[in-house]
Protein backbone atom coordinates (compact mmCIF):
# COMPACT_ATOMS: atom_id res chain seq x y z
CA MET A 1 399.26 9.32 144.91
CA ARG A 2 398.52 7.48 141.66
CA LYS A 3 398.13 10.69 139.66
CA ARG A 4 401.38 12.05 141.06
CA MET A 5 403.21 8.80 140.31
CA ARG A 6 402.07 8.97 136.68
CA THR A 7 403.81 12.33 136.43
CA VAL A 8 406.93 10.97 138.12
CA LEU A 9 407.03 7.98 135.77
CA ALA A 10 406.58 10.18 132.69
CA GLU A 11 409.52 12.30 133.79
CA ARG A 12 411.56 9.18 134.54
CA ALA A 13 410.91 7.77 131.08
CA SER A 14 412.14 10.94 129.35
CA VAL A 15 415.72 11.53 128.30
CA GLU A 16 417.67 12.76 131.30
CA GLU A 17 420.62 15.11 131.30
CA THR A 18 423.66 14.01 133.29
CA GLN A 19 426.13 15.99 135.33
CA ALA A 20 429.80 15.05 134.93
CA ALA A 21 431.20 16.24 138.27
CA PRO A 22 429.86 16.85 141.76
CA PRO A 23 429.41 20.43 142.97
CA ALA A 24 432.27 21.93 144.97
CA ARG A 25 430.17 22.02 148.12
CA TRP A 26 427.16 19.82 148.50
CA PRO A 27 425.14 20.36 151.70
CA VAL A 28 423.04 17.21 151.27
CA ALA A 29 426.12 15.16 152.16
CA GLU A 30 426.69 17.05 155.42
CA PRO A 31 425.54 15.60 158.77
CA PHE A 32 422.78 16.99 160.95
CA ALA A 33 421.12 16.08 164.23
CA ILE A 34 417.61 15.52 165.52
CA GLY A 35 417.77 15.95 169.27
CA GLY A 36 420.72 13.79 170.30
CA LEU A 37 420.47 11.60 167.19
CA GLU A 38 423.33 12.16 164.74
CA ILE A 39 422.47 11.54 161.08
CA SER A 40 425.25 11.18 158.53
CA ASN A 41 423.63 13.22 155.78
CA ARG A 42 420.61 15.42 155.07
CA LEU A 43 418.72 12.94 152.91
CA VAL A 44 415.66 11.32 154.49
CA GLN A 45 413.44 8.54 153.23
CA PRO A 46 410.06 9.57 154.65
CA PRO A 47 407.15 7.37 155.72
CA LEU A 48 405.33 5.82 152.76
CA ALA A 49 402.06 4.06 153.57
CA GLY A 50 401.99 0.42 152.50
CA ILE A 51 405.57 0.71 151.22
CA ALA A 52 408.21 1.45 153.86
CA ASN A 53 408.65 -1.90 155.58
CA TRP A 54 412.17 -2.88 156.63
CA ALA A 55 412.99 -4.23 153.17
CA PHE A 56 412.28 -0.86 151.58
CA ARG A 57 414.03 1.05 154.37
CA ARG A 58 417.11 -1.15 154.05
CA GLN A 59 417.19 -0.46 150.31
CA SER A 60 416.89 3.29 150.93
CA ARG A 61 419.77 3.24 153.41
CA ARG A 62 421.89 1.10 151.07
CA HIS A 63 421.46 3.66 148.31
CA GLY A 64 422.36 6.62 150.48
CA ALA A 65 419.50 7.85 152.69
CA GLY A 66 420.90 9.01 156.04
CA LEU A 67 417.62 8.26 157.80
CA ALA A 68 414.72 6.00 156.83
CA VAL A 69 411.28 6.09 158.46
CA SER A 70 408.69 3.31 158.52
CA GLU A 71 405.28 3.24 156.96
CA MET A 72 402.60 4.54 159.31
CA ILE A 73 401.58 2.08 162.01
CA ALA A 74 398.27 2.18 163.87
CA SER A 75 398.53 3.01 167.57
CA PHE A 76 395.42 0.96 168.35
CA GLY A 77 396.89 -1.98 166.42
CA ILE A 78 399.85 -1.84 168.79
CA ARG A 79 397.63 -1.41 171.85
CA TYR A 80 395.60 -4.49 170.97
CA ALA A 81 398.64 -6.53 169.87
CA ASN A 82 397.43 -7.10 166.33
CA ARG A 83 399.85 -9.65 164.86
CA LYS A 84 400.30 -7.90 161.52
CA THR A 85 400.76 -4.52 163.22
CA LEU A 86 403.36 -5.84 165.65
CA GLY A 87 405.21 -7.37 162.72
CA MET A 88 405.55 -3.88 161.27
CA LEU A 89 407.70 -2.93 164.27
CA THR A 90 410.52 -5.20 163.13
CA ILE A 91 413.80 -3.31 162.82
CA MET A 92 416.91 -4.87 161.29
CA PRO A 93 420.37 -4.31 162.82
CA ASP A 94 421.76 -2.55 159.73
CA GLU A 95 418.92 0.00 159.49
CA HIS A 96 420.07 2.43 162.14
CA PRO A 97 419.36 5.26 162.44
CA VAL A 98 415.73 4.42 161.77
CA GLY A 99 412.44 6.10 162.64
CA VAL A 100 409.04 4.51 163.15
CA GLN A 101 405.88 6.48 162.41
CA ILE A 102 402.65 5.91 164.30
CA PHE A 103 399.19 7.34 163.79
CA GLY A 104 396.16 7.85 165.96
CA ALA A 105 394.18 10.49 167.81
CA ASP A 106 393.90 8.99 171.30
CA PRO A 107 396.69 10.33 173.54
CA GLY A 108 396.78 7.20 175.72
CA ALA A 109 397.06 4.84 172.76
CA MET A 110 399.72 7.03 171.16
CA VAL A 111 401.80 6.96 174.36
CA GLU A 112 401.48 3.17 174.59
CA ALA A 113 402.49 2.87 170.95
CA ALA A 114 405.46 5.19 171.48
CA LEU A 115 406.71 3.04 174.34
CA ALA A 116 406.39 -0.10 172.20
CA VAL A 117 408.22 1.57 169.31
CA GLU A 118 411.03 2.64 171.63
CA ALA A 119 411.25 -0.91 173.02
CA ALA A 120 411.46 -2.26 169.46
CA GLY A 121 414.67 -0.28 168.96
CA ALA A 122 413.61 2.75 166.94
CA ASP A 123 415.97 5.73 167.09
CA LEU A 124 413.11 8.20 166.79
CA ILE A 125 409.33 8.20 166.82
CA ASP A 126 407.40 10.13 164.19
CA ILE A 127 403.76 11.20 164.52
CA ASN A 128 401.63 11.16 161.39
CA MET A 129 399.82 14.47 161.00
CA GLY A 130 400.01 14.50 157.22
CA CYS A 131 398.00 11.61 155.79
CA PRO A 132 395.08 13.07 153.80
CA VAL A 133 393.29 9.76 153.17
CA ASN A 134 389.67 9.79 154.35
CA LYS A 135 389.77 6.43 156.17
CA ILE A 136 392.53 7.81 158.39
CA CYS A 137 391.21 11.36 158.76
CA LYS A 138 387.67 10.27 159.64
CA THR A 139 389.07 8.69 162.81
CA GLY A 140 390.56 12.04 163.79
CA ALA A 141 394.09 10.88 162.94
CA GLY A 142 396.54 11.88 160.21
CA ALA A 143 396.08 15.38 158.83
CA ALA A 144 392.79 15.68 160.74
CA LEU A 145 394.82 16.32 163.90
CA LEU A 146 395.75 19.71 162.42
CA ALA A 147 392.13 20.83 162.87
CA ASP A 148 392.88 21.23 166.58
CA PRO A 149 396.53 22.19 167.06
CA VAL A 150 396.13 22.44 170.83
CA ALA A 151 394.94 18.82 171.10
CA ALA A 152 397.58 17.72 168.60
CA ALA A 153 400.31 19.44 170.61
CA HIS A 154 399.03 17.67 173.74
CA ILE A 155 399.64 14.31 172.03
CA VAL A 156 403.17 15.42 171.17
CA GLU A 157 403.81 16.53 174.74
CA GLU A 158 402.54 13.29 176.28
CA MET A 159 404.66 11.18 173.93
CA VAL A 160 407.77 13.27 174.54
CA ARG A 161 407.35 12.77 178.29
CA ALA A 162 406.97 9.02 177.90
CA VAL A 163 410.06 8.15 175.84
CA SER A 164 413.74 9.00 175.77
CA VAL A 165 414.21 8.98 171.98
CA PRO A 166 413.37 12.06 169.86
CA VAL A 167 409.72 12.56 168.88
CA THR A 168 409.09 14.24 165.52
CA VAL A 169 406.01 15.29 163.56
CA LYS A 170 405.27 14.75 159.86
CA MET A 171 402.71 17.43 158.99
CA ARG A 172 400.89 19.11 156.14
CA ARG A 173 400.49 22.87 156.02
CA GLY A 174 396.92 22.35 157.21
CA LEU A 175 393.58 20.90 156.13
CA THR A 176 392.77 23.45 153.42
CA PRO A 177 394.79 26.33 151.96
CA SER A 178 392.40 28.91 153.42
CA THR A 179 392.38 27.49 156.95
CA SER A 180 396.06 26.60 157.24
CA ALA A 181 398.19 28.10 159.99
CA PRO A 182 401.45 26.15 159.60
CA VAL A 183 403.68 28.63 161.44
CA GLU A 184 401.45 28.76 164.52
CA THR A 185 401.01 24.99 164.49
CA ALA A 186 404.74 24.36 164.10
CA ARG A 187 405.48 26.64 167.05
CA ARG A 188 403.00 24.72 169.19
CA PHE A 189 404.68 21.43 168.32
CA GLU A 190 408.11 22.85 169.12
CA ALA A 191 406.84 24.11 172.49
CA ALA A 192 405.39 20.63 173.16
CA GLY A 193 408.85 19.11 172.75
CA ALA A 194 408.98 17.93 169.15
CA ALA A 195 412.62 17.42 168.17
CA ALA A 196 412.02 18.07 164.46
CA LEU A 197 409.26 18.65 161.92
CA CYS A 198 408.89 17.17 158.46
CA LEU A 199 406.70 19.56 156.48
CA HIS A 200 404.81 18.84 153.28
CA PRO A 201 403.59 22.30 152.24
CA ARG A 202 400.41 21.17 150.51
CA ALA A 203 397.13 21.19 152.40
CA ALA A 204 395.46 17.84 153.01
CA ALA A 205 392.61 18.83 150.66
CA GLU A 206 395.15 19.28 147.86
CA GLU A 207 396.54 15.76 148.33
CA TYR A 208 399.37 15.69 145.73
CA GLY A 209 397.92 18.14 143.22
CA GLY A 210 399.75 21.19 141.92
CA THR A 211 403.23 22.04 143.13
CA ALA A 212 404.58 21.96 146.67
CA ASP A 213 404.89 25.57 147.83
CA HIS A 214 408.19 25.65 149.66
CA ARG A 215 407.74 29.33 150.47
CA ILE A 216 405.62 27.93 153.30
CA THR A 217 408.49 25.65 154.28
CA ALA A 218 410.76 28.71 154.49
CA GLU A 219 408.26 30.47 156.76
CA VAL A 220 408.16 27.51 159.13
CA VAL A 221 411.96 27.19 159.12
CA ALA A 222 412.25 30.86 160.10
CA ALA A 223 409.66 30.48 162.87
CA VAL A 224 411.11 27.54 164.82
CA GLY A 225 414.45 26.59 166.29
CA ILE A 226 414.22 22.84 165.65
CA PRO A 227 415.22 21.11 162.40
CA VAL A 228 412.68 21.21 159.58
CA ILE A 229 412.80 18.52 156.91
CA ALA A 230 411.33 19.68 153.61
CA SER A 231 409.06 17.24 151.80
CA GLY A 232 407.38 17.51 148.42
CA ASP A 233 408.46 17.47 144.76
CA ILE A 234 412.14 16.76 145.44
CA ALA A 235 413.37 14.32 142.80
CA THR A 236 416.74 15.52 141.50
CA PRO A 237 419.93 17.18 142.76
CA ASP A 238 418.70 20.48 141.30
CA ASP A 239 415.45 20.17 143.25
CA ALA A 240 417.41 19.45 146.40
CA ARG A 241 419.69 22.43 145.93
CA ARG A 242 416.81 24.77 145.24
CA VAL A 243 414.79 23.70 148.28
CA LEU A 244 417.77 23.77 150.62
CA GLU A 245 418.84 27.23 149.44
CA ASP A 246 415.36 28.72 149.26
CA THR A 247 414.09 27.46 152.61
CA GLY A 248 417.13 27.03 154.86
CA CYS A 249 415.72 23.64 155.89
CA ALA A 250 417.87 21.15 157.79
CA ALA A 251 417.24 18.23 155.45
CA ILE A 252 415.13 17.01 152.54
CA ALA A 253 412.79 14.05 152.17
CA VAL A 254 412.68 12.02 148.97
CA GLY A 255 409.69 9.69 148.68
CA ARG A 256 407.84 9.05 145.41
CA ALA A 257 410.90 9.85 143.29
CA ALA A 258 412.65 6.80 144.79
CA LEU A 259 409.83 4.31 144.17
CA GLY A 260 411.37 1.90 141.69
CA ASN A 261 414.34 4.24 141.45
CA PRO A 262 416.45 3.90 144.60
CA TRP A 263 419.37 5.29 142.60
CA ALA A 264 417.72 8.70 143.10
CA PHE A 265 419.10 8.65 146.64
CA GLY A 266 422.65 8.26 145.35
CA GLU A 267 422.20 11.02 142.79
CA ILE A 268 420.84 13.49 145.33
CA LEU A 269 423.42 12.53 147.94
CA SER A 270 426.30 13.08 145.50
CA GLY A 271 424.78 16.03 143.64
CA VAL A 272 425.43 14.26 140.34
CA ARG A 273 422.65 13.39 137.90
CA ARG A 274 423.31 10.06 136.19
CA PRO A 275 421.57 8.08 133.47
CA ARG A 276 419.14 5.39 134.54
CA PRO A 277 420.79 1.99 135.05
CA GLU A 278 420.56 -0.55 132.25
CA LEU A 279 417.94 -3.27 132.50
CA PRO A 280 420.25 -6.01 133.88
CA GLU A 281 421.21 -3.78 136.84
CA VAL A 282 417.56 -2.89 137.40
CA VAL A 283 416.57 -6.57 137.48
CA GLU A 284 419.41 -7.35 139.88
CA GLU A 285 418.14 -4.61 142.21
CA ILE A 286 414.55 -5.88 141.96
CA ALA A 287 415.71 -9.40 142.88
CA LEU A 288 417.66 -8.15 145.89
CA PHE A 289 414.75 -6.04 147.08
CA ALA A 290 412.25 -8.86 146.50
CA GLY A 291 414.39 -11.22 148.58
CA ASP A 292 414.21 -8.84 151.54
CA ALA A 293 410.49 -8.22 150.98
CA ARG A 294 409.80 -11.94 151.20
CA LEU A 295 411.63 -12.12 154.50
CA ALA A 296 409.86 -9.01 155.78
CA ILE A 297 406.25 -9.87 154.95
CA GLY A 298 406.23 -13.47 153.73
CA ASP A 299 406.07 -15.01 150.27
CA SER A 300 402.34 -14.60 149.70
CA ARG A 301 402.10 -10.93 150.63
CA ALA A 302 405.37 -10.16 148.87
CA THR A 303 403.90 -11.30 145.55
CA GLY A 304 401.25 -8.57 145.67
CA TYR A 305 403.59 -6.04 147.23
CA MET A 306 406.18 -6.42 144.46
CA ARG A 307 403.53 -5.93 141.76
CA LYS A 308 403.37 -2.27 142.78
CA PHE A 309 407.03 -1.88 141.93
CA TYR A 310 407.48 -3.53 138.52
CA PRO A 311 406.04 -0.63 136.47
CA TRP A 312 408.00 1.84 138.57
CA TYR A 313 411.31 0.05 138.04
CA LEU A 314 410.77 -0.54 134.35
CA ALA A 315 409.71 3.00 133.40
CA GLY A 316 412.03 4.25 130.69
CA HIS A 317 413.00 0.79 129.52
CA ASP A 318 411.77 -0.89 126.37
CA VAL A 319 409.30 -3.21 128.04
CA GLY A 320 405.94 -3.65 126.36
CA SER A 321 402.53 -3.67 127.98
CA SER A 322 402.20 -7.42 127.44
CA VAL A 323 405.32 -8.07 129.50
CA LEU A 324 404.09 -5.76 132.25
CA SER A 325 400.81 -7.64 132.22
CA GLU A 326 402.69 -10.92 132.69
CA LEU A 327 404.57 -9.49 135.66
CA LEU A 328 401.43 -8.09 137.25
CA THR A 329 399.63 -11.43 136.98
CA ALA A 330 402.55 -13.73 137.79
CA PRO A 331 401.32 -16.11 140.52
CA THR A 332 404.54 -15.93 142.54
CA THR A 333 407.48 -13.62 143.00
CA ASP A 334 409.74 -16.36 141.63
CA ALA A 335 407.72 -16.46 138.40
CA ALA A 336 407.98 -12.68 138.00
CA LEU A 337 411.72 -12.72 138.69
CA SER A 338 412.23 -15.50 136.15
CA ARG A 339 410.51 -13.41 133.48
CA LEU A 340 412.57 -10.38 134.44
CA ARG A 341 415.82 -12.33 134.24
CA THR A 342 414.88 -13.47 130.76
CA LEU A 343 414.33 -9.86 129.77
CA ALA A 344 417.65 -8.84 131.31
CA ALA A 345 419.55 -11.57 129.49
CA ALA A 346 418.01 -10.57 126.17
CA SER A 347 418.87 -6.92 126.84
CA ALA A 348 422.48 -7.76 127.69
CA ALA A 349 422.86 -9.86 124.55
CA ALA A 350 421.38 -7.21 122.23
């Protein structure tokens, strides 16, 4: 994740070309459906671990995402009523449609979690079968579920039976490139009742290295009759067009490209590449987002949470390392915002 974000930030800091007018027909702006759930456009904010709380999801929706999905939530944390875990189920009225992703390998716990997520008001339930992180995989969850597609499909089937909202799967192509069988696995999930698949066509062992091979996405799209959402290396309108045309997918997911750059959603939704906002607009967006983050997770946790975002938001702006250091060590969110407002005022006056 960190290595991939360095590449994203380097690209963000470079001079960007702009596009003056939207394309004549732009499929990203067209609606699609997952089961009985109507979604206004084909732009999805996917699950992002440790990131996609309701503050982030609300921001994604405000900037154009037709559907936003929560960070992954532990099924056992829900089963045992962990306070922090249950807090992650909070859904705000203006988020809909919204998905909640859960992870785990125990069918009973996953069904219990699905019922709790449905009761919390989620419009769909997503199953994490894509996380490559060892602490998740060693429990048999995340991408490790792909090692046994039959058992994984059983979890899908049990959850589909238990709830009335659509159940979807976020999956990798497999554990390793040589052992992957994404088409067979996707067909099993469809037969188990999955309403849609979100496919990241790297193997878990590859993490975020190399380039996402969307030829695999095209193979899965051709093999199943349910919507496939393409995930991986989609950051610009050109990327979106290429993936949509090359794969025939139903929608696209934009994750890392929108970290500190929620305007990416608007660009991809409109099909128009625009220059990065000036610093005062960036600071205004940070302040708005930080206000929601404080409400979502509390002042203390929000201070650390927002530190992830400052370098992402400020990439491409003339902000020195000493200023970034101040922001990353500011004792409170208010102190960081005060420093940012000073920077914005100086930029506006220059």
